[in-house]
Amino acid sequence: MTGRPVKHSLTLRGHRTSVSLEEGFWREFRRIAAQRGQSINGLAIEIDESRGDVGLASAIRVFVLDALKAEADPGA
């Protein structure tokens, strides 16, 4: 695994966009979407709608980090 971002295409509300994330973030993003019964596009739309002026890739990274922290310490 390299630390270099990997670009993937997503479709958000009918519009194609590309997002560059490190492979570890893509892997966890896919896992979280599957765990929630969502497609990665569906989860990306949710994140996109609540991200404010933060870039989508950054918002996905923070979402993944927050999800992993919540899984590690569900009582916090």
N, C-alpha and C. Protein backbone atom coordinates (compact mmCIF):
# COMPACT_ATOMS: atom_id res chain seq x y z
N MET A 1 0.84 -1.17 0.00
CA MET A 1 0.00 0.00 0.00
C MET A 1 0.89 1.24 0.00
N THR A 2 0.53 2.19 -0.84
CA THR A 2 1.26 3.45 -0.86
C THR A 2 0.42 4.52 -0.19
N GLY A 3 1.05 5.59 0.17
CA GLY A 3 0.34 6.71 0.77
C GLY A 3 -0.20 7.69 -0.27
N ARG A 4 0.03 7.37 -1.54
CA ARG A 4 -0.41 8.27 -2.59
C ARG A 4 -1.91 8.16 -2.80
N PRO A 5 -2.58 9.30 -2.98
CA PRO A 5 -4.02 9.27 -3.25
C PRO A 5 -4.32 8.57 -4.57
N VAL A 6 -5.47 7.90 -4.59
CA VAL A 6 -5.95 7.20 -5.77
C VAL A 6 -7.26 7.86 -6.17
N LYS A 7 -7.39 8.20 -7.45
CA LYS A 7 -8.57 8.89 -7.93
C LYS A 7 -9.64 7.89 -8.34
N HIS A 8 -10.87 8.12 -7.88
CA HIS A 8 -12.03 7.31 -8.25
C HIS A 8 -13.14 8.25 -8.67
N SER A 9 -13.98 7.79 -9.58
CA SER A 9 -15.13 8.57 -10.01
C SER A 9 -16.34 8.25 -9.16
N LEU A 10 -17.10 9.27 -8.82
CA LEU A 10 -18.35 9.13 -8.10
C LEU A 10 -19.43 9.87 -8.88
N THR A 11 -20.68 9.47 -8.68
CA THR A 11 -21.80 10.17 -9.29
C THR A 11 -22.66 10.72 -8.16
N LEU A 12 -22.75 12.05 -8.11
CA LEU A 12 -23.52 12.73 -7.07
C LEU A 12 -24.68 13.46 -7.74
N ARG A 13 -25.89 12.97 -7.49
CA ARG A 13 -27.09 13.56 -8.06
C ARG A 13 -27.00 13.72 -9.57
N GLY A 14 -26.53 12.67 -10.23
CA GLY A 14 -26.45 12.66 -11.69
C GLY A 14 -25.21 13.32 -12.28
N HIS A 15 -24.34 13.85 -11.46
CA HIS A 15 -23.12 14.52 -11.94
C HIS A 15 -21.90 13.70 -11.55
N ARG A 16 -21.05 13.45 -12.53
CA ARG A 16 -19.81 12.71 -12.27
C ARG A 16 -18.77 13.65 -11.67
N THR A 17 -18.05 13.15 -10.69
CA THR A 17 -16.94 13.89 -10.10
C THR A 17 -15.88 12.87 -9.74
N SER A 18 -14.67 13.32 -9.56
CA SER A 18 -13.62 12.41 -9.12
C SER A 18 -13.08 12.89 -7.78
N VAL A 19 -12.73 11.92 -6.97
CA VAL A 19 -12.21 12.19 -5.63
C VAL A 19 -10.93 11.39 -5.45
N SER A 20 -9.91 12.04 -4.94
CA SER A 20 -8.63 11.37 -4.68
C SER A 20 -8.49 11.13 -3.18
N LEU A 21 -8.39 9.85 -2.82
CA LEU A 21 -8.18 9.45 -1.43
C LEU A 21 -7.12 8.36 -1.40
N GLU A 22 -6.43 8.26 -0.30
CA GLU A 22 -5.49 7.17 -0.11
C GLU A 22 -6.27 5.85 -0.05
N GLU A 23 -5.63 4.77 -0.47
CA GLU A 23 -6.32 3.48 -0.58
C GLU A 23 -6.98 3.05 0.74
N GLY A 24 -6.32 3.31 1.86
CA GLY A 24 -6.90 2.96 3.15
C GLY A 24 -8.23 3.67 3.40
N PHE A 25 -8.32 4.92 3.00
CA PHE A 25 -9.58 5.64 3.15
C PHE A 25 -10.65 5.09 2.21
N TRP A 26 -10.27 4.75 0.96
CA TRP A 26 -11.25 4.14 0.04
C TRP A 26 -11.77 2.83 0.61
N ARG A 27 -10.87 2.02 1.14
CA ARG A 27 -11.26 0.72 1.68
C ARG A 27 -12.26 0.89 2.83
N GLU A 28 -11.95 1.77 3.75
CA GLU A 28 -12.85 1.99 4.89
C GLU A 28 -14.15 2.67 4.46
N PHE A 29 -14.09 3.57 3.49
CA PHE A 29 -15.28 4.24 2.98
C PHE A 29 -16.24 3.20 2.37
N ARG A 30 -15.69 2.29 1.57
CA ARG A 30 -16.52 1.21 0.99
C ARG A 30 -17.12 0.32 2.08
N ARG A 31 -16.31 -0.02 3.07
CA ARG A 31 -16.79 -0.89 4.14
C ARG A 31 -17.91 -0.22 4.93
N ILE A 32 -17.73 1.04 5.25
CA ILE A 32 -18.76 1.77 6.01
C ILE A 32 -20.05 1.86 5.20
N ALA A 33 -19.93 2.16 3.91
CA ALA A 33 -21.13 2.24 3.06
C ALA A 33 -21.85 0.89 3.05
N ALA A 34 -21.10 -0.19 2.88
CA ALA A 34 -21.71 -1.53 2.85
C ALA A 34 -22.36 -1.85 4.19
N GLN A 35 -21.70 -1.51 5.27
CA GLN A 35 -22.22 -1.75 6.61
C GLN A 35 -23.54 -1.02 6.83
N ARG A 36 -23.67 0.15 6.21
CA ARG A 36 -24.88 0.95 6.33
C ARG A 36 -25.92 0.60 5.27
N GLY A 37 -25.58 -0.34 4.38
CA GLY A 37 -26.51 -0.73 3.32
C GLY A 37 -26.65 0.33 2.24
N GLN A 38 -25.57 1.10 2.02
CA GLN A 38 -25.58 2.17 1.04
C GLN A 38 -24.52 1.92 -0.02
N SER A 39 -24.72 2.55 -1.16
CA SER A 39 -23.66 2.58 -2.16
C SER A 39 -22.66 3.66 -1.75
N ILE A 40 -21.46 3.62 -2.31
CA ILE A 40 -20.52 4.68 -1.98
C ILE A 40 -21.01 6.01 -2.55
N ASN A 41 -21.72 5.98 -3.68
CA ASN A 41 -22.28 7.22 -4.22
C ASN A 41 -23.32 7.79 -3.26
N GLY A 42 -24.18 6.94 -2.71
CA GLY A 42 -25.20 7.40 -1.78
C GLY A 42 -24.59 8.01 -0.53
N LEU A 43 -23.58 7.35 0.01
CA LEU A 43 -22.91 7.88 1.20
C LEU A 43 -22.18 9.18 0.88
N ALA A 44 -21.57 9.24 -0.30
CA ALA A 44 -20.87 10.47 -0.70
C ALA A 44 -21.86 11.63 -0.84
N ILE A 45 -23.07 11.36 -1.31
CA ILE A 45 -24.09 12.41 -1.41
C ILE A 45 -24.42 12.94 -0.02
N GLU A 46 -24.61 12.03 0.94
CA GLU A 46 -24.88 12.44 2.33
C GLU A 46 -23.78 13.35 2.86
N ILE A 47 -22.55 12.94 2.65
CA ILE A 47 -21.41 13.71 3.13
C ILE A 47 -21.34 15.05 2.40
N ASP A 48 -21.57 15.03 1.09
CA ASP A 48 -21.53 16.24 0.29
C ASP A 48 -22.55 17.26 0.76
N GLU A 49 -23.72 16.80 1.12
CA GLU A 49 -24.79 17.71 1.54
C GLU A 49 -24.51 18.39 2.87
N SER A 50 -23.64 17.82 3.68
CA SER A 50 -23.39 18.40 5.00
C SER A 50 -21.98 18.95 5.16
N ARG A 51 -21.21 19.03 4.08
CA ARG A 51 -19.79 19.37 4.24
C ARG A 51 -19.49 20.86 4.29
N GLY A 52 -20.42 21.71 3.96
CA GLY A 52 -20.14 23.14 3.97
C GLY A 52 -19.09 23.51 2.94
N ASP A 53 -18.10 24.32 3.34
CA ASP A 53 -17.10 24.79 2.39
C ASP A 53 -15.82 23.94 2.39
N VAL A 54 -15.90 22.76 2.98
CA VAL A 54 -14.77 21.82 3.01
C VAL A 54 -14.80 21.00 1.72
N GLY A 55 -13.64 20.69 1.17
CA GLY A 55 -13.57 19.85 -0.02
C GLY A 55 -14.14 18.46 0.24
N LEU A 56 -14.68 17.84 -0.80
CA LEU A 56 -15.31 16.53 -0.64
C LEU A 56 -14.33 15.48 -0.15
N ALA A 57 -13.14 15.44 -0.69
CA ALA A 57 -12.15 14.44 -0.25
C ALA A 57 -11.84 14.61 1.24
N SER A 58 -11.66 15.84 1.68
CA SER A 58 -11.39 16.09 3.10
C SER A 58 -12.58 15.69 3.95
N ALA A 59 -13.79 16.00 3.48
CA ALA A 59 -14.99 15.64 4.23
C ALA A 59 -15.13 14.13 4.35
N ILE A 60 -14.79 13.39 3.30
CA ILE A 60 -14.85 11.93 3.36
C ILE A 60 -13.81 11.40 4.36
N ARG A 61 -12.61 11.94 4.33
CA ARG A 61 -11.58 11.51 5.28
C ARG A 61 -12.03 11.72 6.72
N VAL A 62 -12.59 12.89 7.01
CA VAL A 62 -13.05 13.19 8.37
C VAL A 62 -14.20 12.25 8.75
N PHE A 63 -15.11 12.01 7.81
CA PHE A 63 -16.23 11.09 8.06
C PHE A 63 -15.70 9.70 8.42
N VAL A 64 -14.75 9.20 7.62
CA VAL A 64 -14.18 7.87 7.87
C VAL A 64 -13.48 7.85 9.22
N LEU A 65 -12.69 8.86 9.52
CA LEU A 65 -11.99 8.93 10.80
C LEU A 65 -12.99 8.93 11.96
N ASP A 66 -14.03 9.74 11.86
CA ASP A 66 -15.05 9.79 12.92
C ASP A 66 -15.75 8.44 13.09
N ALA A 67 -16.05 7.77 11.97
CA ALA A 67 -16.71 6.47 12.03
C ALA A 67 -15.81 5.43 12.71
N LEU A 68 -14.53 5.44 12.37
CA LEU A 68 -13.60 4.50 12.98
C LEU A 68 -13.42 4.77 14.47
N LYS A 69 -13.37 6.04 14.85
CA LYS A 69 -13.28 6.39 16.27
C LYS A 69 -14.52 5.94 17.02
N ALA A 70 -15.69 6.10 16.43
CA ALA A 70 -16.93 5.69 17.06
C ALA A 70 -16.98 4.16 17.23
N GLU A 71 -16.48 3.43 16.24
CA GLU A 71 -16.44 1.97 16.33
C GLU A 71 -15.47 1.51 17.42
N ALA A 72 -14.36 2.23 17.56
CA ALA A 72 -13.35 1.85 18.54
C ALA A 72 -13.80 2.14 19.96
N ASP A 73 -14.62 3.17 20.13
CA ASP A 73 -15.08 3.56 21.46
C ASP A 73 -16.56 3.94 21.38
N PRO A 74 -17.46 2.96 21.26
CA PRO A 74 -18.88 3.26 21.07
C PRO A 74 -19.53 4.01 22.23
N GLY A 75 -18.93 3.99 23.40
CA GLY A 75 -19.51 4.67 24.55
C GLY A 75 -19.13 6.14 24.66
N ALA A 76 -18.22 6.59 23.81
CA ALA A 76 -17.74 7.98 23.92
C ALA A 76 -18.70 8.98 23.34
